[in-house]
C-alpha atoms as a PDB file:
ATOM      1  CA  UNK A   1      70.738  72.791 131.765  1.00  0.00           C
ATOM      2  CA  UNK A   2      72.333  76.207 131.492  1.00  0.00           C
ATOM      3  CA  UNK A   3      71.786  78.527 128.595  1.00  0.00           C
ATOM      4  CA  UNK A   4      74.599  80.393 126.905  1.00  0.00           C
ATOM      5  CA  UNK A   5      74.722  84.135 126.892  1.00  0.00           C
ATOM      6  CA  UNK A   6      73.785  85.824 123.612  1.00  0.00           C
ATOM      7  CA  UNK A   7      77.332  87.233 123.379  1.00  0.00           C
ATOM      8  CA  UNK A   8      78.867  83.761 123.714  1.00  0.00           C
ATOM      9  CA  UNK A   9      76.440  82.331 121.169  1.00  0.00           C
ATOM     10  CA  UNK A  10      77.356  85.126 118.749  1.00  0.00           C
ATOM     11  CA  UNK A  11      81.076  84.440 119.206  1.00  0.00           C
ATOM     12  CA  UNK A  12      80.583  80.721 118.638  1.00  0.00           C
ATOM     13  CA  UNK A  13      78.595  81.462 115.490  1.00  0.00           C
ATOM     14  CA  UNK A  14      81.237  83.931 114.237  1.00  0.00           C
ATOM     15  CA  UNK A  15      83.938  81.321 114.860  1.00  0.00           C
ATOM     16  CA  UNK A  16      82.019  78.663 112.917  1.00  0.00           C
ATOM     17  CA  UNK A  17      81.293  80.994 110.010  1.00  0.00           C
ATOM     18  CA  UNK A  18      84.925  82.146 109.965  1.00  0.00           C
ATOM     19  CA  UNK A  19      86.135  78.542 109.745  1.00  0.00           C
ATOM     20  CA  UNK A  20      83.714  77.754 106.912  1.00  0.00           C
ATOM     21  CA  UNK A  21      84.594  80.920 104.984  1.00  0.00           C
ATOM     22  CA  UNK A  22      88.333  80.387 105.454  1.00  0.00           C
ATOM     23  CA  UNK A  23      88.020  76.816 104.223  1.00  0.00           C
ATOM     24  CA  UNK A  24      86.092  77.926 101.121  1.00  0.00           C
ATOM     25  CA  UNK A  25      88.614  80.669 100.359  1.00  0.00           C
ATOM     26  CA  UNK A  26      91.608  78.385 100.992  1.00  0.00           C
ATOM     27  CA  UNK A  27      90.161  75.908  98.500  1.00  0.00           C
ATOM     28  CA  UNK A  28      89.758  78.624  95.848  1.00  0.00           C
ATOM     29  CA  UNK A  29      93.216  80.091  96.519  1.00  0.00           C
ATOM     30  CA  UNK A  30      94.883  76.677  96.322  1.00  0.00           C
ATOM     31  CA  UNK A  31      94.544  77.020  92.532  1.00  0.00           C
ATOM     32  CA  UNK A  32      97.362  79.585  92.662  1.00  0.00           C
ATOM     33  CA  UNK A  33      99.301  77.953  95.490  1.00  0.00           C
ATOM     34  CA  UNK A  34      98.178  80.223  98.324  1.00  0.00           C
ATOM     35  CA  UNK A  35      96.255  80.121 101.577  1.00  0.00           C
ATOM     36  CA  UNK A  36      94.091  82.951 102.853  1.00  0.00           C
ATOM     37  CA  UNK A  37      96.723  83.967 105.416  1.00  0.00           C
ATOM     38  CA  UNK A  38      99.276  84.180 102.564  1.00  0.00           C
ATOM     39  CA  UNK A  39      96.961  86.510 100.676  1.00  0.00           C
ATOM     40  CA  UNK A  40      96.636  88.589 103.842  1.00  0.00           C
ATOM     41  CA  UNK A  41     100.418  88.981 104.036  1.00  0.00           C
ATOM     42  CA  UNK A  42     100.669  89.857 100.331  1.00  0.00           C
ATOM     43  CA  UNK A  43      97.849  92.377 100.778  1.00  0.00           C
ATOM     44  CA  UNK A  44      99.695  94.120 103.608  1.00  0.00           C
ATOM     45  CA  UNK A  45     102.771  94.456 101.434  1.00  0.00           C
ATOM     46  CA  UNK A  46     100.714  95.606  98.443  1.00  0.00           C
ATOM     47  CA  UNK A  47      99.180  98.333 100.597  1.00  0.00           C
ATOM     48  CA  UNK A  48     102.629  99.353 101.894  1.00  0.00           C
ATOM     49  CA  UNK A  49     103.774 100.267  98.384  1.00  0.00           C
ATOM     50  CA  UNK A  50     107.329 100.505  97.074  1.00  0.00           C
ATOM     51  CA  UNK A  51     108.889 101.340 100.457  1.00  0.00           C
ATOM     52  CA  UNK A  52     107.512  98.100 101.933  1.00  0.00           C
ATOM     53  CA  UNK A  53     107.406  97.230 105.604  1.00  0.00           C
ATOM     54  CA  UNK A  54     110.142  96.491 108.101  1.00  0.00           C
ATOM     55  CA  UNK A  55     110.150  93.082 109.747  1.00  0.00           C
ATOM     56  CA  UNK A  56     108.951  94.693 112.987  1.00  0.00           C
ATOM     57  CA  UNK A  57     106.086  96.544 111.284  1.00  0.00           C
ATOM     58  CA  UNK A  58     105.050  93.463 109.326  1.00  0.00           C
ATOM     59  CA  UNK A  59     105.153  91.338 112.488  1.00  0.00           C
ATOM     60  CA  UNK A  60     102.968  93.854 114.306  1.00  0.00           C
ATOM     61  CA  UNK A  61     100.475  93.943 111.414  1.00  0.00           C
ATOM     62  CA  UNK A  62     100.327  90.123 111.386  1.00  0.00           C
ATOM     63  CA  UNK A  63     100.168  89.860 115.194  1.00  0.00           C
ATOM     64  CA  UNK A  64     103.201  87.575 115.151  1.00  0.00           C
ATOM     65  CA  UNK A  65     106.726  87.607 116.461  1.00  0.00           C
ATOM     66  CA  UNK A  66     109.444  88.824 114.129  1.00  0.00           C
ATOM     67  CA  UNK A  67     110.879  85.307 113.865  1.00  0.00           C
ATOM     68  CA  UNK A  68     107.459  83.860 112.937  1.00  0.00           C
ATOM     69  CA  UNK A  69     107.077  86.589 110.338  1.00  0.00           C
ATOM     70  CA  UNK A  70     110.479  85.840 108.853  1.00  0.00           C
ATOM     71  CA  UNK A  71     109.573  82.130 108.616  1.00  0.00           C
ATOM     72  CA  UNK A  72     106.407  83.098 106.703  1.00  0.00           C
ATOM     73  CA  UNK A  73     108.197  85.502 104.382  1.00  0.00           C
ATOM     74  CA  UNK A  74     111.265  83.386 103.499  1.00  0.00           C
ATOM     75  CA  UNK A  75     109.465  80.880 101.214  1.00  0.00           C
ATOM     76  CA  UNK A  76     107.741  83.751  99.419  1.00  0.00           C
ATOM     77  CA  UNK A  77     111.092  85.446  98.902  1.00  0.00           C
ATOM     78  CA  UNK A  78     112.460  82.241  97.363  1.00  0.00           C
ATOM     79  CA  UNK A  79     109.469  82.140  95.001  1.00  0.00           C
ATOM     80  CA  UNK A  80     110.168  85.790  94.053  1.00  0.00           C
ATOM     81  CA  UNK A  81     106.822  87.014  95.371  1.00  0.00           C
ATOM     82  CA  UNK A  82     108.476  89.209  97.994  1.00  0.00           C
ATOM     83  CA  UNK A  83     111.656  91.249  97.615  1.00  0.00           C
ATOM     84  CA  UNK A  84     113.693  93.476  99.897  1.00  0.00           C
ATOM     85  CA  UNK A  85     114.241  97.175  99.526  1.00  0.00           C
ATOM     86  CA  UNK A  86     117.698  98.706  99.936  1.00  0.00           C
ATOM     87  CA  UNK A  87     116.658  99.541 103.513  1.00  0.00           C
ATOM     88  CA  UNK A  88     115.881  95.863 104.131  1.00  0.00           C
ATOM     89  CA  UNK A  89     112.089  96.272 104.159  1.00  0.00           C
ATOM     90  CA  UNK A  90     109.846  93.655 102.620  1.00  0.00           C
ATOM     91  CA  UNK A  91     107.864  94.634  99.525  1.00  0.00           C
ATOM     92  CA  UNK A  92     105.997  92.837  96.782  1.00  0.00           C
ATOM     93  CA  UNK A  93     107.955  91.930  93.674  1.00  0.00           C
ATOM     94  CA  UNK A  94     106.300  92.289  90.282  1.00  0.00           C
ATOM     95  CA  UNK A  95     105.467  88.569  90.437  1.00  0.00           C
ATOM     96  CA  UNK A  96     104.001  89.066  93.897  1.00  0.00           C
ATOM     97  CA  UNK A  97     101.823  91.952  92.720  1.00  0.00           C
ATOM     98  CA  UNK A  98     100.479  89.864  89.827  1.00  0.00           C
ATOM     99  CA  UNK A  99      99.824  86.919  92.138  1.00  0.00           C
ATOM    100  CA  UNK A 100      98.111  89.103  94.749  1.00  0.00           C
ATOM    101  CA  UNK A 101      95.871  90.581  92.052  1.00  0.00           C
ATOM    102  CA  UNK A 102      94.930  87.156  90.674  1.00  0.00           C
ATOM    103  CA  UNK A 103      94.393  85.698  94.143  1.00  0.00           C
ATOM    104  CA  UNK A 104      92.280  88.669  95.238  1.00  0.00           C
ATOM    105  CA  UNK A 105      90.036  88.112  92.221  1.00  0.00           C
ATOM    106  CA  UNK A 106      89.661  84.416  93.039  1.00  0.00           C
ATOM    107  CA  UNK A 107      88.895  85.221  96.671  1.00  0.00           C
ATOM    108  CA  UNK A 108      86.338  87.868  95.727  1.00  0.00           C
ATOM    109  CA  UNK A 109      84.583  85.525  93.304  1.00  0.00           C
ATOM    110  CA  UNK A 110      84.524  82.708  95.847  1.00  0.00           C
ATOM    111  CA  UNK A 111      83.263  85.040  98.578  1.00  0.00           C
ATOM    112  CA  UNK A 112      80.391  86.186  96.387  1.00  0.00           C
ATOM    113  CA  UNK A 113      79.541  82.615  95.417  1.00  0.00           C
ATOM    114  CA  UNK A 114      79.696  81.507  99.058  1.00  0.00           C
ATOM    115  CA  UNK A 115      77.265  84.218 100.190  1.00  0.00           C
ATOM    116  CA  UNK A 116      75.035  84.039  97.077  1.00  0.00           C
ATOM    117  CA  UNK A 117      71.555  82.994  98.049  1.00  0.00           C
ATOM    118  CA  UNK A 118      72.288  83.360 101.748  1.00  0.00           C
ATOM    119  CA  UNK A 119      72.360  87.136 102.087  1.00  0.00           C
ATOM    120  CA  UNK A 120      71.232  89.901  99.771  1.00  0.00           C
ATOM    121  CA  UNK A 121      73.405  92.943  99.024  1.00  0.00           C
ATOM    122  CA  UNK A 122      71.835  95.054 101.805  1.00  0.00           C
ATOM    123  CA  UNK A 123      72.362  92.296 104.370  1.00  0.00           C
ATOM    124  CA  UNK A 124      75.994  91.893 103.304  1.00  0.00           C
ATOM    125  CA  UNK A 125      76.472  95.641 103.703  1.00  0.00           C
ATOM    126  CA  UNK A 126      74.877  95.587 107.161  1.00  0.00           C
ATOM    127  CA  UNK A 127      77.000  92.603 108.200  1.00  0.00           C
ATOM    128  CA  UNK A 128      80.152  94.373 107.028  1.00  0.00           C
ATOM    129  CA  UNK A 129      79.298  97.445 109.098  1.00  0.00           C
ATOM    130  CA  UNK A 130      78.645  95.339 112.194  1.00  0.00           C
ATOM    131  CA  UNK A 131      81.803  93.272 111.819  1.00  0.00           C
ATOM    132  CA  UNK A 132      83.925  96.405 111.387  1.00  0.00           C
ATOM    133  CA  UNK A 133      82.654  97.596 114.765  1.00  0.00           C
ATOM    134  CA  UNK A 134      84.054  94.513 116.486  1.00  0.00           C
ATOM    135  CA  UNK A 135      87.031  93.939 114.192  1.00  0.00           C
END
């Protein structure tokens, strides 16, 4: 029997925790018709402000091809969550901003509930610092 390296064990554990956390957040976000990766896209556009992001910049930020990015954005445009600037950049519409705000609140509440009783505030802070180092 061979033993795994500590680094591999840590990666396996991170992968499992990520899947569980994503599932919990997806369930909470389904109340407003979103998935966690949708909220991520809306968050990028919220942070970009009124000038928005070009398709190339958004694709880079999402680690996707431009065509994949366009396929993700199109349904959100039809729902009036995302609009285009005069320059053709993607930005959040007023509906998109309201949805992103509501969804962020749901995600934050669910995240706190998911970690409640598992980690205390100091441990969550330490975990955040460590994950930022590898993220």
